[in-house]
Amino acid sequence: MKFFADTANFDDISELVAMGLLDGVTTNPSLIAKSGGQFVEVVKQICGIVEGPVSAEVVATDHKDMMREADVLRAIADNVCIKVPLTIDGLKTCRALSNDGTMVNVTLCFSANQALLAAKAGASFISPFVGRLDDIGYDGMDLIGDIRLIYDNYAFATEILVASVRHPVHVLESARIGADVMTAPPAVIKALFNHPLTDKGLDGFAADWAKTGQTKV
């Protein structure tokens, strides 16, 4: 499963790249705003750090303006993936861009029927929001299972990009179901390292080393 970071923070992105953990980045207007930078320049800098897809979201809601914004964004770098909402105009834009060879990430997916539409529109990625479904009393991972089944039934090329990931269990369940990608805040990705027995083991090694009286290898 590919790991994308849901952030626009350069330091976090660079750290994950250095660890070999990062396959791409997803951004949105809110994350760009938090970075304090100018939208196009922030996306350009991220594309220079990351080799994989970098999702940059349009803010327009009609097809014509989405295409205009997409032209600006895809000119930034070859690895820009245009992020569009799962609306009628969004899917029109998805089809037009995918026909032109541009990667498209269809976002704000909350049902398997919506995911089916996105795949038929030629989406490179579909982004189901599991955390937001959990928030309203549904099990978001059930949606990932349904999409995986449907896409496998018809050999759709669209990759399932699990979004709104809140904790390590979401990552584990995504991998168990067979999602292609998950995107999470850097803090969630780093939390995958955590286990009390790892900490206990390290403490034990340090204590045993101290008993030798040596200070360095």
N, C-alpha and C. Protein backbone atom coordinates (compact mmCIF):
# COMPACT_ATOMS: atom_id res chain seq x y z
N MET A 1 0.85 -1.20 0.00
CA MET A 1 0.00 0.00 0.00
C MET A 1 0.88 1.24 0.00
N LYS A 2 0.51 2.21 -0.85
CA LYS A 2 1.26 3.45 -0.91
C LYS A 2 0.87 4.37 0.25
N PHE A 3 1.85 5.13 0.70
CA PHE A 3 1.63 6.11 1.76
C PHE A 3 1.73 7.52 1.16
N PHE A 4 0.65 8.27 1.29
CA PHE A 4 0.67 9.69 0.97
C PHE A 4 0.56 10.47 2.28
N ALA A 5 1.18 11.65 2.32
CA ALA A 5 1.04 12.52 3.49
C ALA A 5 0.02 13.60 3.18
N ASP A 6 -0.89 13.81 4.09
CA ASP A 6 -1.93 14.84 3.93
C ASP A 6 -1.45 16.10 4.64
N THR A 7 -0.66 16.88 3.94
CA THR A 7 -0.03 18.04 4.56
C THR A 7 0.55 18.96 3.49
N ALA A 8 0.86 20.17 3.90
CA ALA A 8 1.62 21.09 3.04
C ALA A 8 2.85 21.60 3.79
N ASN A 9 3.24 20.88 4.84
CA ASN A 9 4.39 21.27 5.65
C ASN A 9 5.66 20.67 5.06
N PHE A 10 6.57 21.52 4.62
CA PHE A 10 7.78 21.05 3.93
C PHE A 10 8.66 20.19 4.83
N ASP A 11 8.80 20.57 6.09
CA ASP A 11 9.67 19.83 7.00
C ASP A 11 9.16 18.41 7.20
N ASP A 12 7.85 18.27 7.41
CA ASP A 12 7.27 16.94 7.59
C ASP A 12 7.43 16.09 6.34
N ILE A 13 7.20 16.71 5.18
CA ILE A 13 7.32 15.97 3.92
C ILE A 13 8.75 15.51 3.72
N SER A 14 9.72 16.40 3.95
CA SER A 14 11.13 16.06 3.76
C SER A 14 11.56 14.93 4.69
N GLU A 15 11.08 14.96 5.93
CA GLU A 15 11.44 13.92 6.89
C GLU A 15 10.91 12.56 6.45
N LEU A 16 9.67 12.51 5.99
CA LEU A 16 9.09 11.23 5.55
C LEU A 16 9.77 10.72 4.28
N VAL A 17 10.15 11.63 3.40
CA VAL A 17 10.89 11.23 2.20
C VAL A 17 12.23 10.62 2.60
N ALA A 18 12.92 11.24 3.55
CA ALA A 18 14.23 10.75 3.99
C ALA A 18 14.14 9.34 4.59
N MET A 19 12.99 9.01 5.18
CA MET A 19 12.79 7.68 5.75
C MET A 19 12.33 6.67 4.71
N GLY A 20 12.08 7.14 3.50
CA GLY A 20 11.63 6.23 2.45
C GLY A 20 10.18 5.81 2.59
N LEU A 21 9.38 6.61 3.30
CA LEU A 21 8.00 6.23 3.60
C LEU A 21 6.97 6.90 2.69
N LEU A 22 7.40 7.85 1.88
CA LEU A 22 6.41 8.69 1.20
C LEU A 22 6.34 8.39 -0.30
N ASP A 23 5.12 8.11 -0.76
CA ASP A 23 4.87 7.85 -2.17
C ASP A 23 4.15 9.00 -2.86
N GLY A 24 3.67 9.96 -2.09
CA GLY A 24 2.94 11.09 -2.67
C GLY A 24 2.43 12.00 -1.57
N VAL A 25 1.76 13.06 -1.98
CA VAL A 25 1.22 14.05 -1.04
C VAL A 25 -0.17 14.47 -1.49
N THR A 26 -1.05 14.67 -0.53
CA THR A 26 -2.35 15.28 -0.83
C THR A 26 -2.43 16.62 -0.10
N THR A 27 -2.94 17.61 -0.80
CA THR A 27 -3.16 18.91 -0.19
C THR A 27 -4.60 19.34 -0.43
N ASN A 28 -5.00 20.39 0.21
CA ASN A 28 -6.29 21.03 -0.04
C ASN A 28 -6.13 22.51 0.33
N PRO A 29 -7.10 23.34 0.00
CA PRO A 29 -6.95 24.77 0.30
C PRO A 29 -6.69 25.07 1.77
N SER A 30 -7.29 24.28 2.67
CA SER A 30 -7.08 24.51 4.10
C SER A 30 -5.64 24.24 4.50
N LEU A 31 -5.06 23.15 4.01
CA LEU A 31 -3.68 22.81 4.34
C LEU A 31 -2.70 23.83 3.76
N ILE A 32 -2.98 24.28 2.54
CA ILE A 32 -2.13 25.29 1.92
C ILE A 32 -2.18 26.58 2.75
N ALA A 33 -3.38 26.94 3.20
CA ALA A 33 -3.54 28.17 3.99
C ALA A 33 -2.72 28.09 5.28
N LYS A 34 -2.71 26.90 5.92
CA LYS A 34 -1.95 26.72 7.16
C LYS A 34 -0.45 26.89 6.94
N SER A 35 0.00 26.58 5.73
CA SER A 35 1.43 26.69 5.44
C SER A 35 1.88 28.14 5.38
N GLY A 36 0.93 29.04 5.14
CA GLY A 36 1.24 30.46 5.07
C GLY A 36 1.84 30.92 3.75
N GLY A 37 1.95 30.00 2.79
CA GLY A 37 2.55 30.34 1.50
C GLY A 37 1.53 30.60 0.42
N GLN A 38 2.03 31.04 -0.72
CA GLN A 38 1.18 31.27 -1.90
C GLN A 38 0.88 29.92 -2.55
N PHE A 39 -0.36 29.71 -2.95
CA PHE A 39 -0.84 28.40 -3.37
C PHE A 39 0.06 27.74 -4.41
N VAL A 40 0.26 28.38 -5.53
CA VAL A 40 1.02 27.77 -6.62
C VAL A 40 2.46 27.51 -6.19
N GLU A 41 3.05 28.43 -5.45
CA GLU A 41 4.44 28.27 -5.03
C GLU A 41 4.59 27.11 -4.05
N VAL A 42 3.61 26.95 -3.14
CA VAL A 42 3.67 25.84 -2.19
C VAL A 42 3.60 24.50 -2.92
N VAL A 43 2.66 24.40 -3.86
CA VAL A 43 2.54 23.16 -4.63
C VAL A 43 3.82 22.88 -5.41
N LYS A 44 4.41 23.91 -6.00
CA LYS A 44 5.65 23.75 -6.76
C LYS A 44 6.77 23.22 -5.87
N GLN A 45 6.89 23.76 -4.68
CA GLN A 45 7.95 23.31 -3.77
C GLN A 45 7.74 21.86 -3.34
N ILE A 46 6.48 21.50 -3.07
CA ILE A 46 6.20 20.11 -2.68
C ILE A 46 6.54 19.16 -3.83
N CYS A 47 6.20 19.54 -5.05
CA CYS A 47 6.50 18.70 -6.22
C CYS A 47 8.00 18.52 -6.40
N GLY A 48 8.78 19.47 -5.92
CA GLY A 48 10.23 19.35 -6.01
C GLY A 48 10.81 18.42 -4.97
N ILE A 49 10.06 18.15 -3.91
CA ILE A 49 10.52 17.26 -2.85
C ILE A 49 10.08 15.82 -3.09
N VAL A 50 8.87 15.67 -3.65
CA VAL A 50 8.22 14.36 -3.78
C VAL A 50 8.20 13.92 -5.24
N GLU A 51 8.59 12.68 -5.49
CA GLU A 51 8.57 12.17 -6.87
C GLU A 51 7.17 11.73 -7.29
N GLY A 52 6.37 11.25 -6.35
CA GLY A 52 5.05 10.73 -6.67
C GLY A 52 4.01 11.81 -6.85
N PRO A 53 2.74 11.41 -6.99
CA PRO A 53 1.66 12.37 -7.23
C PRO A 53 1.48 13.36 -6.09
N VAL A 54 1.25 14.61 -6.44
CA VAL A 54 0.94 15.67 -5.48
C VAL A 54 -0.42 16.23 -5.85
N SER A 55 -1.43 15.95 -5.01
CA SER A 55 -2.79 16.40 -5.30
C SER A 55 -2.94 17.88 -4.97
N ALA A 56 -3.38 18.64 -5.97
CA ALA A 56 -3.67 20.07 -5.79
C ALA A 56 -5.12 20.29 -6.18
N GLU A 57 -5.89 20.88 -5.28
CA GLU A 57 -7.34 20.92 -5.44
C GLU A 57 -7.82 22.22 -6.09
N VAL A 58 -8.76 22.06 -7.03
CA VAL A 58 -9.43 23.23 -7.58
C VAL A 58 -10.44 23.74 -6.54
N VAL A 59 -10.73 25.03 -6.60
CA VAL A 59 -11.70 25.60 -5.68
C VAL A 59 -12.99 26.01 -6.38
N ALA A 60 -12.97 26.03 -7.72
CA ALA A 60 -14.18 26.35 -8.48
C ALA A 60 -15.19 25.23 -8.35
N THR A 61 -16.45 25.56 -8.61
CA THR A 61 -17.51 24.55 -8.53
C THR A 61 -18.16 24.25 -9.87
N ASP A 62 -17.84 25.02 -10.91
CA ASP A 62 -18.41 24.75 -12.24
C ASP A 62 -17.31 24.25 -13.16
N HIS A 63 -17.71 23.47 -14.15
CA HIS A 63 -16.77 22.76 -15.02
C HIS A 63 -15.80 23.71 -15.73
N LYS A 64 -16.30 24.79 -16.28
CA LYS A 64 -15.46 25.71 -17.04
C LYS A 64 -14.34 26.28 -16.17
N ASP A 65 -14.69 26.74 -14.98
CA ASP A 65 -13.68 27.33 -14.10
C ASP A 65 -12.76 26.27 -13.50
N MET A 66 -13.30 25.05 -13.27
CA MET A 66 -12.43 23.96 -12.83
C MET A 66 -11.34 23.69 -13.87
N MET A 67 -11.71 23.67 -15.13
CA MET A 67 -10.74 23.41 -16.19
C MET A 67 -9.72 24.53 -16.26
N ARG A 68 -10.17 25.76 -16.06
CA ARG A 68 -9.24 26.89 -16.09
C ARG A 68 -8.23 26.77 -14.95
N GLU A 69 -8.71 26.45 -13.75
CA GLU A 69 -7.81 26.29 -12.61
C GLU A 69 -6.89 25.08 -12.80
N ALA A 70 -7.44 24.01 -13.35
CA ALA A 70 -6.64 22.81 -13.58
C ALA A 70 -5.49 23.08 -14.54
N ASP A 71 -5.72 23.93 -15.55
CA ASP A 71 -4.66 24.27 -16.49
C ASP A 71 -3.51 24.97 -15.78
N VAL A 72 -3.83 25.82 -14.82
CA VAL A 72 -2.79 26.51 -14.05
C VAL A 72 -2.03 25.51 -13.19
N LEU A 73 -2.76 24.62 -12.52
CA LEU A 73 -2.13 23.69 -11.58
C LEU A 73 -1.29 22.64 -12.29
N ARG A 74 -1.78 22.08 -13.39
CA ARG A 74 -1.01 21.01 -14.02
C ARG A 74 0.21 21.53 -14.76
N ALA A 75 0.28 22.84 -14.94
CA ALA A 75 1.48 23.44 -15.55
C ALA A 75 2.62 23.57 -14.54
N ILE A 76 2.33 23.36 -13.25
CA ILE A 76 3.34 23.53 -12.21
C ILE A 76 4.43 22.46 -12.32
N ALA A 77 4.01 21.20 -12.48
CA ALA A 77 4.96 20.08 -12.54
C ALA A 77 4.25 18.87 -13.13
N ASP A 78 5.04 17.93 -13.62
CA ASP A 78 4.46 16.73 -14.24
C ASP A 78 3.77 15.82 -13.24
N ASN A 79 4.14 15.92 -11.95
CA ASN A 79 3.55 15.02 -10.96
C ASN A 79 2.36 15.63 -10.23
N VAL A 80 1.85 16.75 -10.71
CA VAL A 80 0.63 17.31 -10.12
C VAL A 80 -0.57 16.45 -10.50
N CYS A 81 -1.38 16.14 -9.51
CA CYS A 81 -2.64 15.41 -9.70
C CYS A 81 -3.77 16.36 -9.35
N ILE A 82 -4.66 16.61 -10.29
CA ILE A 82 -5.73 17.58 -10.06
C ILE A 82 -6.82 16.94 -9.20
N LYS A 83 -7.15 17.63 -8.13
CA LYS A 83 -8.15 17.14 -7.17
C LYS A 83 -9.47 17.86 -7.43
N VAL A 84 -10.52 17.07 -7.70
CA VAL A 84 -11.84 17.65 -7.99
C VAL A 84 -12.89 17.01 -7.08
N PRO A 85 -13.97 17.74 -6.79
CA PRO A 85 -15.02 17.17 -5.92
C PRO A 85 -15.91 16.20 -6.68
N LEU A 86 -16.55 15.32 -5.93
CA LEU A 86 -17.43 14.32 -6.54
C LEU A 86 -18.81 14.94 -6.78
N THR A 87 -18.86 15.77 -7.80
CA THR A 87 -20.09 16.41 -8.26
C THR A 87 -20.21 16.17 -9.75
N ILE A 88 -21.33 16.55 -10.33
CA ILE A 88 -21.49 16.39 -11.78
C ILE A 88 -20.42 17.17 -12.52
N ASP A 89 -20.21 18.43 -12.14
CA ASP A 89 -19.18 19.22 -12.80
C ASP A 89 -17.78 18.68 -12.51
N GLY A 90 -17.61 18.16 -11.30
CA GLY A 90 -16.32 17.57 -10.97
C GLY A 90 -16.00 16.37 -11.84
N LEU A 91 -17.00 15.52 -12.10
CA LEU A 91 -16.76 14.34 -12.93
C LEU A 91 -16.63 14.70 -14.40
N LYS A 92 -17.31 15.75 -14.85
CA LYS A 92 -17.07 16.25 -16.21
C LYS A 92 -15.61 16.67 -16.37
N THR A 93 -15.13 17.36 -15.36
CA THR A 93 -13.75 17.81 -15.38
C THR A 93 -12.80 16.63 -15.31
N CYS A 94 -13.13 15.64 -14.48
CA CYS A 94 -12.33 14.43 -14.37
C CYS A 94 -12.19 13.75 -15.72
N ARG A 95 -13.28 13.59 -16.43
CA ARG A 95 -13.24 12.93 -17.74
C ARG A 95 -12.39 13.71 -18.73
N ALA A 96 -12.58 15.02 -18.76
CA ALA A 96 -11.82 15.85 -19.71
C ALA A 96 -10.32 15.79 -19.41
N LEU A 97 -9.96 15.87 -18.14
CA LEU A 97 -8.55 15.86 -17.77
C LEU A 97 -7.92 14.48 -17.99
N SER A 98 -8.63 13.43 -17.61
CA SER A 98 -8.08 12.09 -17.77
C SER A 98 -7.93 11.74 -19.25
N ASN A 99 -8.84 12.21 -20.08
CA ASN A 99 -8.71 11.99 -21.52
C ASN A 99 -7.47 12.68 -22.07
N ASP A 100 -7.04 13.72 -21.39
CA ASP A 100 -5.87 14.50 -21.82
C ASP A 100 -4.58 14.00 -21.16
N GLY A 101 -4.67 12.89 -20.40
CA GLY A 101 -3.49 12.31 -19.79
C GLY A 101 -3.10 12.88 -18.45
N THR A 102 -4.00 13.66 -17.81
CA THR A 102 -3.72 14.26 -16.51
C THR A 102 -4.25 13.39 -15.39
N MET A 103 -3.45 13.20 -14.34
CA MET A 103 -3.93 12.46 -13.16
C MET A 103 -5.02 13.26 -12.45
N VAL A 104 -6.06 12.55 -12.00
CA VAL A 104 -7.17 13.20 -11.30
C VAL A 104 -7.49 12.42 -10.03
N ASN A 105 -7.63 13.15 -8.94
CA ASN A 105 -8.04 12.60 -7.66
C ASN A 105 -9.44 13.13 -7.36
N VAL A 106 -10.43 12.26 -7.36
CA VAL A 106 -11.80 12.67 -7.06
C VAL A 106 -12.02 12.53 -5.56
N THR A 107 -12.37 13.65 -4.93
CA THR A 107 -12.42 13.71 -3.47
C THR A 107 -13.84 13.85 -2.95
N LEU A 108 -13.98 13.78 -1.64
CA LEU A 108 -15.28 13.88 -0.96
C LEU A 108 -16.23 12.76 -1.37
N CYS A 109 -15.68 11.54 -1.35
CA CYS A 109 -16.49 10.35 -1.66
C CYS A 109 -17.00 9.74 -0.35
N PHE A 110 -18.31 9.49 -0.32
CA PHE A 110 -18.92 8.92 0.89
C PHE A 110 -19.80 7.70 0.60
N SER A 111 -19.84 7.23 -0.64
CA SER A 111 -20.64 6.04 -0.95
C SER A 111 -19.98 5.25 -2.06
N ALA A 112 -20.29 3.95 -2.11
CA ALA A 112 -19.76 3.09 -3.16
C ALA A 112 -20.31 3.48 -4.53
N ASN A 113 -21.55 3.95 -4.58
CA ASN A 113 -22.11 4.41 -5.85
C ASN A 113 -21.32 5.59 -6.40
N GLN A 114 -20.94 6.51 -5.51
CA GLN A 114 -20.13 7.64 -5.95
C GLN A 114 -18.78 7.16 -6.49
N ALA A 115 -18.18 6.19 -5.80
CA ALA A 115 -16.90 5.65 -6.24
C ALA A 115 -17.01 4.98 -7.60
N LEU A 116 -18.13 4.33 -7.85
CA LEU A 116 -18.38 3.71 -9.15
C LEU A 116 -18.43 4.77 -10.26
N LEU A 117 -19.12 5.87 -9.98
CA LEU A 117 -19.19 6.96 -10.95
C LEU A 117 -17.80 7.52 -11.25
N ALA A 118 -17.00 7.71 -10.22
CA ALA A 118 -15.67 8.28 -10.41
C ALA A 118 -14.79 7.37 -11.26
N ALA A 119 -14.89 6.07 -11.03
CA ALA A 119 -14.11 5.13 -11.83
C ALA A 119 -14.53 5.18 -13.29
N LYS A 120 -15.82 5.25 -13.54
CA LYS A 120 -16.31 5.32 -14.91
C LYS A 120 -15.92 6.63 -15.59
N ALA A 121 -15.71 7.68 -14.77
CA ALA A 121 -15.28 8.97 -15.32
C ALA A 121 -13.78 9.03 -15.55
N GLY A 122 -13.07 7.95 -15.21
CA GLY A 122 -11.65 7.88 -15.50
C GLY A 122 -10.73 8.39 -14.42
N ALA A 123 -11.21 8.47 -13.18
CA ALA A 123 -10.38 8.99 -12.08
C ALA A 123 -9.13 8.13 -11.88
N SER A 124 -8.02 8.78 -11.62
CA SER A 124 -6.80 8.06 -11.24
C SER A 124 -6.92 7.55 -9.82
N PHE A 125 -7.51 8.39 -8.95
CA PHE A 125 -7.69 8.05 -7.54
C PHE A 125 -9.10 8.43 -7.11
N ILE A 126 -9.68 7.63 -6.21
CA ILE A 126 -10.92 7.99 -5.54
C ILE A 126 -10.60 8.12 -4.05
N SER A 127 -11.06 9.21 -3.44
CA SER A 127 -10.73 9.47 -2.03
C SER A 127 -11.96 9.35 -1.14
N PRO A 128 -12.23 8.14 -0.60
CA PRO A 128 -13.31 7.98 0.38
C PRO A 128 -12.85 8.50 1.74
N PHE A 129 -13.73 9.25 2.43
CA PHE A 129 -13.38 9.88 3.70
C PHE A 129 -13.86 9.03 4.86
N VAL A 130 -13.01 8.12 5.33
CA VAL A 130 -13.45 7.17 6.35
C VAL A 130 -13.69 7.83 7.70
N GLY A 131 -12.84 8.76 8.09
CA GLY A 131 -12.99 9.41 9.39
C GLY A 131 -14.28 10.19 9.51
N ARG A 132 -14.66 10.87 8.45
CA ARG A 132 -15.89 11.66 8.50
C ARG A 132 -17.12 10.75 8.57
N LEU A 133 -17.04 9.57 7.95
CA LEU A 133 -18.14 8.61 8.10
C LEU A 133 -18.21 8.09 9.53
N ASP A 134 -17.06 7.79 10.11
CA ASP A 134 -17.02 7.37 11.52
C ASP A 134 -17.68 8.42 12.42
N ASP A 135 -17.45 9.70 12.08
CA ASP A 135 -17.97 10.80 12.91
C ASP A 135 -19.49 10.81 12.99
N ILE A 136 -20.16 10.29 11.94
CA ILE A 136 -21.62 10.32 11.94
C ILE A 136 -22.24 8.94 12.20
N GLY A 137 -21.42 8.04 12.78
CA GLY A 137 -21.95 6.77 13.25
C GLY A 137 -21.85 5.61 12.30
N TYR A 138 -21.16 5.80 11.16
CA TYR A 138 -20.94 4.70 10.23
C TYR A 138 -19.53 4.16 10.41
N ASP A 139 -19.29 2.93 9.94
CA ASP A 139 -17.94 2.39 9.93
C ASP A 139 -17.35 2.71 8.56
N GLY A 140 -16.46 3.70 8.53
CA GLY A 140 -15.90 4.13 7.26
C GLY A 140 -15.18 3.03 6.51
N MET A 141 -14.62 2.06 7.22
CA MET A 141 -13.89 1.00 6.55
C MET A 141 -14.79 0.06 5.77
N ASP A 142 -16.08 0.01 6.14
CA ASP A 142 -17.03 -0.78 5.35
C ASP A 142 -17.10 -0.25 3.92
N LEU A 143 -17.02 1.07 3.78
CA LEU A 143 -17.05 1.68 2.45
C LEU A 143 -15.83 1.25 1.64
N ILE A 144 -14.66 1.19 2.28
CA ILE A 144 -13.46 0.77 1.56
C ILE A 144 -13.62 -0.66 1.05
N GLY A 145 -14.18 -1.54 1.88
CA GLY A 145 -14.42 -2.91 1.45
C GLY A 145 -15.36 -3.00 0.27
N ASP A 146 -16.43 -2.19 0.28
CA ASP A 146 -17.39 -2.20 -0.83
C ASP A 146 -16.75 -1.71 -2.12
N ILE A 147 -15.96 -0.64 -2.02
CA ILE A 147 -15.31 -0.11 -3.23
C ILE A 147 -14.30 -1.11 -3.77
N ARG A 148 -13.53 -1.75 -2.88
CA ARG A 148 -12.56 -2.75 -3.32
C ARG A 148 -13.24 -3.88 -4.09
N LEU A 149 -14.38 -4.34 -3.58
CA LEU A 149 -15.12 -5.41 -4.24
C LEU A 149 -15.61 -4.98 -5.62
N ILE A 150 -16.20 -3.80 -5.69
CA ILE A 150 -16.73 -3.31 -6.97
C ILE A 150 -15.63 -3.10 -7.98
N TYR A 151 -14.55 -2.46 -7.57
CA TYR A 151 -13.46 -2.20 -8.52
C TYR A 151 -12.83 -3.50 -9.02
N ASP A 152 -12.71 -4.49 -8.12
CA ASP A 152 -12.16 -5.78 -8.54
C ASP A 152 -13.11 -6.52 -9.47
N ASN A 153 -14.42 -6.38 -9.24
CA ASN A 153 -15.40 -7.04 -10.08
C ASN A 153 -15.26 -6.64 -11.55
N TYR A 154 -14.90 -5.38 -11.77
CA TYR A 154 -14.87 -4.84 -13.13
C TYR A 154 -13.49 -4.38 -13.58
N ALA A 155 -12.48 -4.70 -12.79
CA ALA A 155 -11.09 -4.39 -13.14
C ALA A 155 -10.89 -2.90 -13.44
N PHE A 156 -11.54 -2.05 -12.64
CA PHE A 156 -11.31 -0.61 -12.79
C PHE A 156 -9.86 -0.28 -12.40
N ALA A 157 -9.27 0.64 -13.14
CA ALA A 157 -7.89 1.04 -12.87
C ALA A 157 -7.79 2.09 -11.77
N THR A 158 -8.89 2.72 -11.41
CA THR A 158 -8.89 3.75 -10.38
C THR A 158 -8.35 3.20 -9.06
N GLU A 159 -7.42 3.92 -8.45
CA GLU A 159 -6.84 3.48 -7.19
C GLU A 159 -7.64 4.02 -6.01
N ILE A 160 -7.86 3.17 -5.02
CA ILE A 160 -8.58 3.56 -3.80
C ILE A 160 -7.59 4.26 -2.87
N LEU A 161 -7.85 5.55 -2.62
CA LEU A 161 -6.99 6.38 -1.79
C LEU A 161 -7.76 6.71 -0.51
N VAL A 162 -7.51 5.96 0.54
CA VAL A 162 -8.25 6.14 1.80
C VAL A 162 -7.87 7.46 2.43
N ALA A 163 -8.86 8.33 2.64
CA ALA A 163 -8.62 9.67 3.16
C ALA A 163 -9.36 9.87 4.49
N SER A 164 -9.12 11.01 5.11
CA SER A 164 -9.67 11.31 6.43
C SER A 164 -9.26 10.23 7.42
N VAL A 165 -8.00 9.83 7.32
CA VAL A 165 -7.43 8.80 8.21
C VAL A 165 -7.08 9.46 9.54
N ARG A 166 -7.62 8.92 10.62
CA ARG A 166 -7.49 9.55 11.93
C ARG A 166 -6.48 8.88 12.86
N HIS A 167 -6.22 7.59 12.64
CA HIS A 167 -5.39 6.85 13.60
C HIS A 167 -4.80 5.61 12.93
N PRO A 168 -3.84 4.94 13.59
CA PRO A 168 -3.17 3.79 12.99
C PRO A 168 -4.10 2.63 12.64
N VAL A 169 -5.21 2.47 13.35
CA VAL A 169 -6.13 1.37 13.02
C VAL A 169 -6.72 1.58 11.62
N HIS A 170 -6.99 2.81 11.25
CA HIS A 170 -7.46 3.08 9.89
C HIS A 170 -6.42 2.61 8.86
N VAL A 171 -5.16 2.84 9.16
CA VAL A 171 -4.10 2.42 8.24
C VAL A 171 -4.06 0.90 8.14
N LEU A 172 -4.10 0.23 9.29
CA LEU A 172 -4.07 -1.23 9.32
C LEU A 172 -5.24 -1.82 8.55
N GLU A 173 -6.44 -1.33 8.81
CA GLU A 173 -7.62 -1.87 8.14
C GLU A 173 -7.59 -1.60 6.63
N SER A 174 -7.06 -0.45 6.24
CA SER A 174 -6.92 -0.14 4.81
C SER A 174 -6.03 -1.17 4.13
N ALA A 175 -4.92 -1.51 4.80
CA ALA A 175 -4.00 -2.49 4.23
C ALA A 175 -4.62 -3.88 4.20
N ARG A 176 -5.37 -4.24 5.24
CA ARG A 176 -6.02 -5.55 5.29
C ARG A 176 -7.05 -5.71 4.17
N ILE A 177 -7.77 -4.64 3.89
CA ILE A 177 -8.82 -4.69 2.86
C ILE A 177 -8.21 -4.69 1.46
N GLY A 178 -7.04 -4.07 1.34
CA GLY A 178 -6.38 -4.03 0.04
C GLY A 178 -6.51 -2.70 -0.67
N ALA A 179 -6.65 -1.62 0.10
CA ALA A 179 -6.66 -0.29 -0.50
C ALA A 179 -5.31 -0.05 -1.18
N ASP A 180 -5.33 0.74 -2.25
CA ASP A 180 -4.09 1.00 -2.98
C ASP A 180 -3.22 2.04 -2.29
N VAL A 181 -3.87 3.02 -1.67
CA VAL A 181 -3.16 4.16 -1.09
C VAL A 181 -3.90 4.58 0.18
N MET A 182 -3.18 5.12 1.13
CA MET A 182 -3.83 5.84 2.22
C MET A 182 -3.10 7.16 2.39
N THR A 183 -3.84 8.21 2.71
CA THR A 183 -3.23 9.49 2.99
C THR A 183 -3.60 9.90 4.40
N ALA A 184 -2.58 10.34 5.15
CA ALA A 184 -2.79 10.66 6.56
C ALA A 184 -1.88 11.81 6.95
N PRO A 185 -2.25 12.54 8.01
CA PRO A 185 -1.33 13.55 8.54
C PRO A 185 -0.02 12.89 8.96
N PRO A 186 1.10 13.61 8.87
CA PRO A 186 2.39 13.04 9.26
C PRO A 186 2.38 12.44 10.66
N ALA A 187 1.64 13.04 11.60
CA ALA A 187 1.61 12.51 12.97
C ALA A 187 1.03 11.11 13.02
N VAL A 188 0.05 10.82 12.18
CA VAL A 188 -0.54 9.47 12.15
C VAL A 188 0.46 8.48 11.57
N ILE A 189 1.16 8.88 10.51
CA ILE A 189 2.17 7.99 9.92
C ILE A 189 3.26 7.68 10.94
N LYS A 190 3.72 8.68 11.65
CA LYS A 190 4.77 8.46 12.65
C LYS A 190 4.27 7.61 13.81
N ALA A 191 2.98 7.68 14.10
CA ALA A 191 2.42 6.88 15.20
C ALA A 191 2.49 5.39 14.90
N LEU A 192 2.68 5.01 13.63
CA LEU A 192 2.79 3.60 13.28
C LEU A 192 4.04 2.96 13.89
N PHE A 193 5.03 3.79 14.22
CA PHE A 193 6.24 3.28 14.85
C PHE A 193 6.00 2.81 16.28
N ASN A 194 4.98 3.36 16.92
CA ASN A 194 4.85 3.21 18.37
C ASN A 194 4.38 1.83 18.80
N HIS A 195 5.10 1.25 19.75
CA HIS A 195 4.66 0.03 20.43
C HIS A 195 5.38 -0.04 21.78
N PRO A 196 4.66 -0.32 22.86
CA PRO A 196 5.31 -0.33 24.18
C PRO A 196 6.42 -1.35 24.31
N LEU A 197 6.33 -2.48 23.60
CA LEU A 197 7.38 -3.48 23.71
C LEU A 197 8.66 -3.03 22.99
N THR A 198 8.51 -2.24 21.95
CA THR A 198 9.70 -1.67 21.31
C THR A 198 10.41 -0.73 22.28
N ASP A 199 9.62 0.13 22.93
CA ASP A 199 10.20 1.05 23.91
C ASP A 199 10.86 0.29 25.06
N LYS A 200 10.18 -0.74 25.52
CA LYS A 200 10.73 -1.54 26.63
C LYS A 200 12.03 -2.22 26.23
N GLY A 201 12.05 -2.74 25.01
CA GLY A 201 13.26 -3.40 24.52
C GLY A 201 14.44 -2.44 24.41
N LEU A 202 14.17 -1.25 23.91
CA LEU A 202 15.24 -0.25 23.79
C LEU A 202 15.78 0.15 25.17
N ASP A 203 14.86 0.32 26.11
CA ASP A 203 15.29 0.66 27.47
C ASP A 203 16.17 -0.44 28.06
N GLY A 204 15.79 -1.70 27.78
CA GLY A 204 16.57 -2.82 28.29
C GLY A 204 17.96 -2.86 27.67
N PHE A 205 18.05 -2.63 26.36
CA PHE A 205 19.35 -2.63 25.69
C PHE A 205 20.23 -1.52 26.26
N ALA A 206 19.62 -0.32 26.47
CA ALA A 206 20.38 0.81 27.00
C ALA A 206 20.90 0.52 28.41
N ALA A 207 20.04 -0.11 29.21
CA ALA A 207 20.46 -0.43 30.58
C ALA A 207 21.60 -1.45 30.58
N ASP A 208 21.52 -2.46 29.74
CA ASP A 208 22.57 -3.49 29.68
C ASP A 208 23.88 -2.88 29.16
N TRP A 209 23.78 -1.97 28.20
CA TRP A 209 24.98 -1.32 27.68
C TRP A 209 25.65 -0.48 28.77
N ALA A 210 24.83 0.22 29.56
CA ALA A 210 25.38 1.04 30.63
C ALA A 210 26.17 0.20 31.63
N LYS A 211 25.76 -1.03 31.85
CA LYS A 211 26.45 -1.92 32.79
C LYS A 211 27.85 -2.28 32.34
N THR A 212 28.11 -2.19 31.04
CA THR A 212 29.45 -2.52 30.53
C THR A 212 30.46 -1.43 30.85
N GLY A 213 29.99 -0.23 31.19
CA GLY A 213 30.88 0.89 31.49
C GLY A 213 31.43 1.56 30.27
N GLN A 214 31.03 1.13 29.08
CA GLN A 214 31.50 1.73 27.84
C GLN A 214 30.62 2.92 27.46
N THR A 215 31.23 3.89 26.81
CA THR A 215 30.48 5.07 26.39
C THR A 215 30.24 5.13 24.90
N LYS A 216 31.04 4.36 24.13
CA LYS A 216 30.85 4.37 22.67
C LYS A 216 31.31 3.04 22.09
N VAL A 217 30.87 2.75 20.90
CA VAL A 217 31.27 1.50 20.21
C VAL A 217 32.62 1.73 19.58
